[in-house]
Amino acid sequence: VQMYTGKADWDTIKSVKEAVNIPVIGNGD
């Protein structure tokens, strides 16, 4: 819904990184 507007939620990226053992690539802002 945000498309490319607003602010990227880095907390969700952090939660993903904490939840898996494969490499996580963060994207946004």
PDB file of all heavy atoms in Angstrom:
ATOM      1  N   VAL A   1       0.830  -1.208   0.000  1.00  0.00           N
ATOM      2  CA  VAL A   1       0.000   0.000   0.000  1.00  0.00           C
ATOM      3  C   VAL A   1       0.865   1.259   0.000  1.00  0.00           C
ATOM      4  O   VAL A   1       0.539   2.256  -0.647  1.00  0.00           O
ATOM      5  CB  VAL A   1      -0.969  -0.006   1.215  1.00  0.00           C
ATOM      6  CG1 VAL A   1      -1.641   1.349   1.392  1.00  0.00           C
ATOM      7  CG2 VAL A   1      -2.018  -1.106   1.030  1.00  0.00           C
ATOM      8  N   GLN A   2       1.995   1.215   0.694  1.00  0.00           N
ATOM      9  CA  GLN A   2       2.899   2.370   0.723  1.00  0.00           C
ATOM     10  C   GLN A   2       3.551   2.648  -0.626  1.00  0.00           C
ATOM     11  O   GLN A   2       3.983   3.769  -0.882  1.00  0.00           O
ATOM     12  CB  GLN A   2       4.027   2.131   1.744  1.00  0.00           C
ATOM     13  CG  GLN A   2       3.659   2.393   3.181  1.00  0.00           C
ATOM     14  CD  GLN A   2       4.871   2.185   4.081  1.00  0.00           C
ATOM     15  OE1 GLN A   2       5.199   1.060   4.427  1.00  0.00           O
ATOM     16  NE2 GLN A   2       5.550   3.264   4.438  1.00  0.00           N
ATOM     17  N   MET A   3       3.662   1.617  -1.470  1.00  0.00           N
ATOM     18  CA  MET A   3       4.410   1.726  -2.730  1.00  0.00           C
ATOM     19  C   MET A   3       5.839   2.200  -2.408  1.00  0.00           C
ATOM     20  O   MET A   3       6.568   1.510  -1.753  1.00  0.00           O
ATOM     21  CB  MET A   3       3.695   2.674  -3.707  1.00  0.00           C
ATOM     22  CG  MET A   3       2.313   2.195  -4.111  1.00  0.00           C
ATOM     23  SD  MET A   3       2.288   0.716  -5.128  1.00  0.00           S
ATOM     24  CE  MET A   3       2.746   1.375  -6.728  1.00  0.00           C
ATOM     25  N   TYR A   4       6.184   3.430  -2.840  1.00  0.00           N
ATOM     26  CA  TYR A   4       7.532   3.966  -2.557  1.00  0.00           C
ATOM     27  C   TYR A   4       7.460   5.229  -1.704  1.00  0.00           C
ATOM     28  O   TYR A   4       8.401   6.012  -1.662  1.00  0.00           O
ATOM     29  CB  TYR A   4       8.271   4.240  -3.869  1.00  0.00           C
ATOM     30  CG  TYR A   4       8.486   2.981  -4.672  1.00  0.00           C
ATOM     31  CD1 TYR A   4       7.641   2.667  -5.721  1.00  0.00           C
ATOM     32  CD2 TYR A   4       9.510   2.092  -4.348  1.00  0.00           C
ATOM     33  CE1 TYR A   4       7.815   1.484  -6.442  1.00  0.00           C
ATOM     34  CE2 TYR A   4       9.694   0.920  -5.060  1.00  0.00           C
ATOM     35  CZ  TYR A   4       8.838   0.623  -6.107  1.00  0.00           C
ATOM     36  OH  TYR A   4       9.008  -0.537  -6.813  1.00  0.00           O
ATOM     37  N   THR A   5       6.338   5.407  -1.009  1.00  0.00           N
ATOM     38  CA  THR A   5       6.145   6.600  -0.185  1.00  0.00           C
ATOM     39  C   THR A   5       6.363   6.270   1.285  1.00  0.00           C
ATOM     40  O   THR A   5       6.510   5.104   1.668  1.00  0.00           O
ATOM     41  CB  THR A   5       4.723   7.159  -0.371  1.00  0.00           C
ATOM     42  OG1 THR A   5       3.776   6.188   0.111  1.00  0.00           O
ATOM     43  CG2 THR A   5       4.436   7.455  -1.833  1.00  0.00           C
ATOM     44  N   GLY A   6       6.358   7.325   2.103  1.00  0.00           N
ATOM     45  CA  GLY A   6       6.504   7.110   3.537  1.00  0.00           C
ATOM     46  C   GLY A   6       7.882   6.613   3.913  1.00  0.00           C
ATOM     47  O   GLY A   6       8.823   6.643   3.118  1.00  0.00           O
ATOM     48  N   LYS A   7       7.982   6.138   5.122  1.00  0.00           N
ATOM     49  CA  LYS A   7       9.280   5.702   5.660  1.00  0.00           C
ATOM     50  C   LYS A   7       9.356   4.182   5.697  1.00  0.00           C
ATOM     51  O   LYS A   7       8.382   3.509   6.024  1.00  0.00           O
ATOM     52  CB  LYS A   7       9.443   6.271   7.081  1.00  0.00           C
ATOM     53  CG  LYS A   7      10.836   6.111   7.646  1.00  0.00           C
ATOM     54  CD  LYS A   7      10.922   6.768   9.028  1.00  0.00           C
ATOM     55  CE  LYS A   7      12.320   6.600   9.598  1.00  0.00           C
ATOM     56  NZ  LYS A   7      12.421   7.114  10.972  1.00  0.00           N
ATOM     57  N   ALA A   8      10.528   3.652   5.342  1.00  0.00           N
ATOM     58  CA  ALA A   8      10.740   2.202   5.418  1.00  0.00           C
ATOM     59  C   ALA A   8      10.833   1.758   6.871  1.00  0.00           C
ATOM     60  O   ALA A   8      11.440   2.435   7.702  1.00  0.00           O
ATOM     61  CB  ALA A   8      12.006   1.810   4.666  1.00  0.00           C
ATOM     62  N   ASP A   9      10.219   0.625   7.168  1.00  0.00           N
ATOM     63  CA  ASP A   9      10.190   0.089   8.529  1.00  0.00           C
ATOM     64  C   ASP A   9      11.369  -0.855   8.735  1.00  0.00           C
ATOM     65  O   ASP A   9      11.313  -2.029   8.385  1.00  0.00           O
ATOM     66  CB  ASP A   9       8.857  -0.646   8.733  1.00  0.00           C
ATOM     67  CG  ASP A   9       8.782  -1.346  10.076  1.00  0.00           C
ATOM     68  OD1 ASP A   9       9.609  -1.032  10.965  1.00  0.00           O
ATOM     69  OD2 ASP A   9       7.903  -2.214  10.246  1.00  0.00           O
ATOM     70  N   TRP A  10      12.434  -0.318   9.302  1.00  0.00           N
ATOM     71  CA  TRP A  10      13.627  -1.133   9.537  1.00  0.00           C
ATOM     72  C   TRP A  10      13.438  -2.122  10.681  1.00  0.00           C
ATOM     73  O   TRP A  10      14.141  -3.133  10.748  1.00  0.00           O
ATOM     74  CB  TRP A  10      14.828  -0.223   9.812  1.00  0.00           C
ATOM     75  CG  TRP A  10      15.288   0.555   8.615  1.00  0.00           C
ATOM     76  CD1 TRP A  10      14.732   0.558   7.365  1.00  0.00           C
ATOM     77  CD2 TRP A  10      16.412   1.436   8.554  1.00  0.00           C
ATOM     78  NE1 TRP A  10      15.443   1.395   6.525  1.00  0.00           N
ATOM     79  CE2 TRP A  10      16.473   1.947   7.237  1.00  0.00           C
ATOM     80  CE3 TRP A  10      17.364   1.845   9.476  1.00  0.00           C
ATOM     81  CZ2 TRP A  10      17.462   2.852   6.830  1.00  0.00           C
ATOM     82  CZ3 TRP A  10      18.348   2.745   9.076  1.00  0.00           C
ATOM     83  CH2 TRP A  10      18.395   3.236   7.760  1.00  0.00           C
ATOM     84  N   ASP A  11      12.480  -1.871  11.565  1.00  0.00           N
ATOM     85  CA  ASP A  11      12.238  -2.803  12.676  1.00  0.00           C
ATOM     86  C   ASP A  11      11.795  -4.167  12.153  1.00  0.00           C
ATOM     87  O   ASP A  11      12.157  -5.204  12.725  1.00  0.00           O
ATOM     88  CB  ASP A  11      11.169  -2.247  13.633  1.00  0.00           C
ATOM     89  CG  ASP A  11      11.690  -1.090  14.460  1.00  0.00           C
ATOM     90  OD1 ASP A  11      12.922  -0.974  14.602  1.00  0.00           O
ATOM     91  OD2 ASP A  11      10.868  -0.292  14.955  1.00  0.00           O
ATOM     92  N   THR A  12      11.018  -4.159  11.071  1.00  0.00           N
ATOM     93  CA  THR A  12      10.586  -5.430  10.484  1.00  0.00           C
ATOM     94  C   THR A  12      11.776  -6.174   9.887  1.00  0.00           C
ATOM     95  O   THR A  12      11.873  -7.405   9.994  1.00  0.00           O
ATOM     96  CB  THR A  12       9.506  -5.199   9.414  1.00  0.00           C
ATOM     97  OG1 THR A  12       8.367  -4.583  10.029  1.00  0.00           O
ATOM     98  CG2 THR A  12       9.059  -6.508   8.777  1.00  0.00           C
ATOM     99  N   ILE A  13      12.692  -5.435   9.265  1.00  0.00           N
ATOM    100  CA  ILE A  13      13.912  -6.056   8.730  1.00  0.00           C
ATOM    101  C   ILE A  13      14.693  -6.708   9.880  1.00  0.00           C
ATOM    102  O   ILE A  13      15.179  -7.840   9.755  1.00  0.00           O
ATOM    103  CB  ILE A  13      14.777  -5.025   7.997  1.00  0.00           C
ATOM    104  CG1 ILE A  13      14.008  -4.423   6.809  1.00  0.00           C
ATOM    105  CG2 ILE A  13      16.091  -5.645   7.527  1.00  0.00           C
ATOM    106  CD1 ILE A  13      14.704  -3.252   6.134  1.00  0.00           C
ATOM    107  N   LYS A  14      14.799  -5.997  10.990  1.00  0.00           N
ATOM    108  CA  LYS A  14      15.490  -6.536  12.172  1.00  0.00           C
ATOM    109  C   LYS A  14      14.811  -7.810  12.665  1.00  0.00           C
ATOM    110  O   LYS A  14      15.479  -8.806  12.985  1.00  0.00           O
ATOM    111  CB  LYS A  14      15.501  -5.481  13.283  1.00  0.00           C
ATOM    112  CG  LYS A  14      16.196  -5.941  14.555  1.00  0.00           C
ATOM    113  CD  LYS A  14      16.139  -4.876  15.640  1.00  0.00           C
ATOM    114  CE  LYS A  14      16.843  -5.361  16.898  1.00  0.00           C
ATOM    115  NZ  LYS A  14      16.756  -4.361  17.991  1.00  0.00           N
ATOM    116  N   SER A  15      13.476  -7.808  12.708  1.00  0.00           N
ATOM    117  CA  SER A  15      12.734  -8.986  13.172  1.00  0.00           C
ATOM    118  C   SER A  15      12.962 -10.182  12.261  1.00  0.00           C
ATOM    119  O   SER A  15      13.080 -11.322  12.724  1.00  0.00           O
ATOM    120  CB  SER A  15      11.234  -8.669  13.250  1.00  0.00           C
ATOM    121  OG  SER A  15      10.993  -7.649  14.195  1.00  0.00           O
ATOM    122  N   VAL A  16      13.028  -9.919  10.954  1.00  0.00           N
ATOM    123  CA  VAL A  16      13.295 -10.996  10.000  1.00  0.00           C
ATOM    124  C   VAL A  16      14.691 -11.570  10.239  1.00  0.00           C
ATOM    125  O   VAL A  16      14.884 -12.790  10.276  1.00  0.00           O
ATOM    126  CB  VAL A  16      13.140 -10.495   8.548  1.00  0.00           C
ATOM    127  CG1 VAL A  16      13.713 -11.513   7.553  1.00  0.00           C
ATOM    128  CG2 VAL A  16      11.676 -10.212   8.231  1.00  0.00           C
ATOM    129  N   LYS A  17      15.667 -10.679  10.412  1.00  0.00           N
ATOM    130  CA  LYS A  17      17.047 -11.132  10.635  1.00  0.00           C
ATOM    131  C   LYS A  17      17.142 -12.007  11.882  1.00  0.00           C
ATOM    132  O   LYS A  17      17.874 -13.011  11.903  1.00  0.00           O
ATOM    133  CB  LYS A  17      17.974  -9.913  10.754  1.00  0.00           C
ATOM    134  CG  LYS A  17      19.426 -10.239  11.101  1.00  0.00           C
ATOM    135  CD  LYS A  17      20.086 -11.120  10.052  1.00  0.00           C
ATOM    136  CE  LYS A  17      21.489 -11.531  10.484  1.00  0.00           C
ATOM    137  NZ  LYS A  17      22.063 -12.554   9.587  1.00  0.00           N
ATOM    138  N   GLU A  18      16.399 -11.649  12.914  1.00  0.00           N
ATOM    139  CA  GLU A  18      16.427 -12.414  14.161  1.00  0.00           C
ATOM    140  C   GLU A  18      15.723 -13.766  14.033  1.00  0.00           C
ATOM    141  O   GLU A  18      15.962 -14.676  14.826  1.00  0.00           O
ATOM    142  CB  GLU A  18      15.772 -11.598  15.281  1.00  0.00           C
ATOM    143  CG  GLU A  18      16.603 -10.389  15.706  1.00  0.00           C
ATOM    144  CD  GLU A  18      15.849  -9.447  16.637  1.00  0.00           C
ATOM    145  OE1 GLU A  18      14.618  -9.628  16.804  1.00  0.00           O
ATOM    146  OE2 GLU A  18      16.492  -8.533  17.195  1.00  0.00           O
ATOM    147  N   ALA A  19      14.873 -13.889  13.000  1.00  0.00           N
ATOM    148  CA  ALA A  19      14.022 -15.083  12.892  1.00  0.00           C
ATOM    149  C   ALA A  19      14.573 -16.164  11.967  1.00  0.00           C
ATOM    150  O   ALA A  19      14.061 -17.292  11.976  1.00  0.00           O
ATOM    151  CB  ALA A  19      12.627 -14.667  12.413  1.00  0.00           C
ATOM    152  N   VAL A  20      15.593 -15.831  11.155  1.00  0.00           N
ATOM    153  CA  VAL A  20      16.110 -16.817  10.194  1.00  0.00           C
ATOM    154  C   VAL A  20      17.629 -16.930  10.300  1.00  0.00           C
ATOM    155  O   VAL A  20      18.293 -16.070  10.876  1.00  0.00           O
ATOM    156  CB  VAL A  20      15.723 -16.443   8.738  1.00  0.00           C
ATOM    157  CG1 VAL A  20      14.211 -16.459   8.557  1.00  0.00           C
ATOM    158  CG2 VAL A  20      16.306 -15.092   8.327  1.00  0.00           C
ATOM    159  N   ASN A  21      18.162 -17.979   9.691  1.00  0.00           N
ATOM    160  CA  ASN A  21      19.604 -18.209   9.704  1.00  0.00           C
ATOM    161  C   ASN A  21      20.257 -17.959   8.350  1.00  0.00           C
ATOM    162  O   ASN A  21      21.480 -18.047   8.233  1.00  0.00           O
ATOM    163  CB  ASN A  21      19.888 -19.655  10.151  1.00  0.00           C
ATOM    164  CG  ASN A  21      19.454 -19.899  11.586  1.00  0.00           C
ATOM    165  OD1 ASN A  21      19.828 -19.156  12.485  1.00  0.00           O
ATOM    166  ND2 ASN A  21      18.641 -20.923  11.786  1.00  0.00           N
ATOM    167  N   ILE A  22      19.456 -17.685   7.337  1.00  0.00           N
ATOM    168  CA  ILE A  22      20.005 -17.362   6.014  1.00  0.00           C
ATOM    169  C   ILE A  22      20.291 -15.857   5.949  1.00  0.00           C
ATOM    170  O   ILE A  22      19.761 -15.086   6.763  1.00  0.00           O
ATOM    171  CB  ILE A  22      19.027 -17.771   4.889  1.00  0.00           C
ATOM    172  CG1 ILE A  22      17.643 -17.134   5.106  1.00  0.00           C
ATOM    173  CG2 ILE A  22      18.938 -19.281   4.766  1.00  0.00           C
ATOM    174  CD1 ILE A  22      16.647 -17.405   3.986  1.00  0.00           C
ATOM    175  N   PRO A  23      21.144 -15.422   5.009  1.00  0.00           N
ATOM    176  CA  PRO A  23      21.433 -13.990   4.904  1.00  0.00           C
ATOM    177  C   PRO A  23      20.173 -13.165   4.631  1.00  0.00           C
ATOM    178  O   PRO A  23      19.286 -13.584   3.882  1.00  0.00           O
ATOM    179  CB  PRO A  23      22.392 -13.912   3.713  1.00  0.00           C
ATOM    180  CG  PRO A  23      23.034 -15.250   3.659  1.00  0.00           C
ATOM    181  CD  PRO A  23      21.976 -16.217   4.093  1.00  0.00           C
ATOM    182  N   VAL A  24      20.112 -11.996   5.271  1.00  0.00           N
ATOM    183  CA  VAL A  24      19.001 -11.063   5.091  1.00  0.00           C
ATOM    184  C   VAL A  24      19.551  -9.766   4.509  1.00  0.00           C
ATOM    185  O   VAL A  24      20.504  -9.192   5.044  1.00  0.00           O
ATOM    186  CB  VAL A  24      18.276 -10.790   6.429  1.00  0.00           C
ATOM    187  CG1 VAL A  24      17.230  -9.687   6.257  1.00  0.00           C
ATOM    188  CG2 VAL A  24      17.626 -12.067   6.951  1.00  0.00           C
ATOM    189  N   ILE A  25      18.952  -9.327   3.406  1.00  0.00           N
ATOM    190  CA  ILE A  25      19.362  -8.093   2.726  1.00  0.00           C
ATOM    191  C   ILE A  25      18.296  -7.038   2.987  1.00  0.00           C
ATOM    192  O   ILE A  25      17.126  -7.232   2.647  1.00  0.00           O
ATOM    193  CB  ILE A  25      19.529  -8.339   1.215  1.00  0.00           C
ATOM    194  CG1 ILE A  25      20.570  -9.439   0.965  1.00  0.00           C
ATOM    195  CG2 ILE A  25      19.919  -7.047   0.500  1.00  0.00           C
ATOM    196  CD1 ILE A  25      20.535 -10.017  -0.442  1.00  0.00           C
ATOM    197  N   GLY A  26      18.692  -5.939   3.622  1.00  0.00           N
ATOM    198  CA  GLY A  26      17.755  -4.872   3.956  1.00  0.00           C
ATOM    199  C   GLY A  26      17.626  -3.866   2.833  1.00  0.00           C
ATOM    200  O   GLY A  26      18.616  -3.474   2.215  1.00  0.00           O
ATOM    201  N   ASN A  27      16.392  -3.420   2.576  1.00  0.00           N
ATOM    202  CA  ASN A  27      16.110  -2.505   1.472  1.00  0.00           C
ATOM    203  C   ASN A  27      15.131  -1.418   1.929  1.00  0.00           C
ATOM    204  O   ASN A  27      14.160  -1.713   2.602  1.00  0.00           O
ATOM    205  CB  ASN A  27      15.526  -3.326   0.307  1.00  0.00           C
ATOM    206  CG  ASN A  27      15.194  -2.519  -0.938  1.00  0.00           C
ATOM    207  OD1 ASN A  27      14.292  -2.872  -1.679  1.00  0.00           O
ATOM    208  ND2 ASN A  27      15.918  -1.447  -1.187  1.00  0.00           N
ATOM    209  N   GLY A  28      15.456  -0.167   1.562  1.00  0.00           N
ATOM    210  CA  GLY A  28      14.547   0.932   1.867  1.00  0.00           C
ATOM    211  C   GLY A  28      15.217   2.074   2.588  1.00  0.00           C
ATOM    212  O   GLY A  28      15.759   1.912   3.676  1.00  0.00           O
ATOM    213  N   ASP A  29      15.224   3.238   1.937  1.00  0.00           N
ATOM    214  CA  ASP A  29      15.727   4.490   2.534  1.00  0.00           C
ATOM    215  C   ASP A  29      17.233   4.523   2.757  1.00  0.00           C
ATOM    216  O   ASP A  29      17.718   5.203   3.665  1.00  0.00           O
ATOM    217  CB  ASP A  29      15.006   4.797   3.862  1.00  0.00           C
ATOM    218  CG  ASP A  29      13.527   5.114   3.676  1.00  0.00           C
ATOM    219  OD1 ASP A  29      13.119   5.329   2.521  1.00  0.00           O
ATOM    220  OD2 ASP A  29      12.795   5.136   4.680  1.00  0.00           O
TER     221      ASP A  29
END
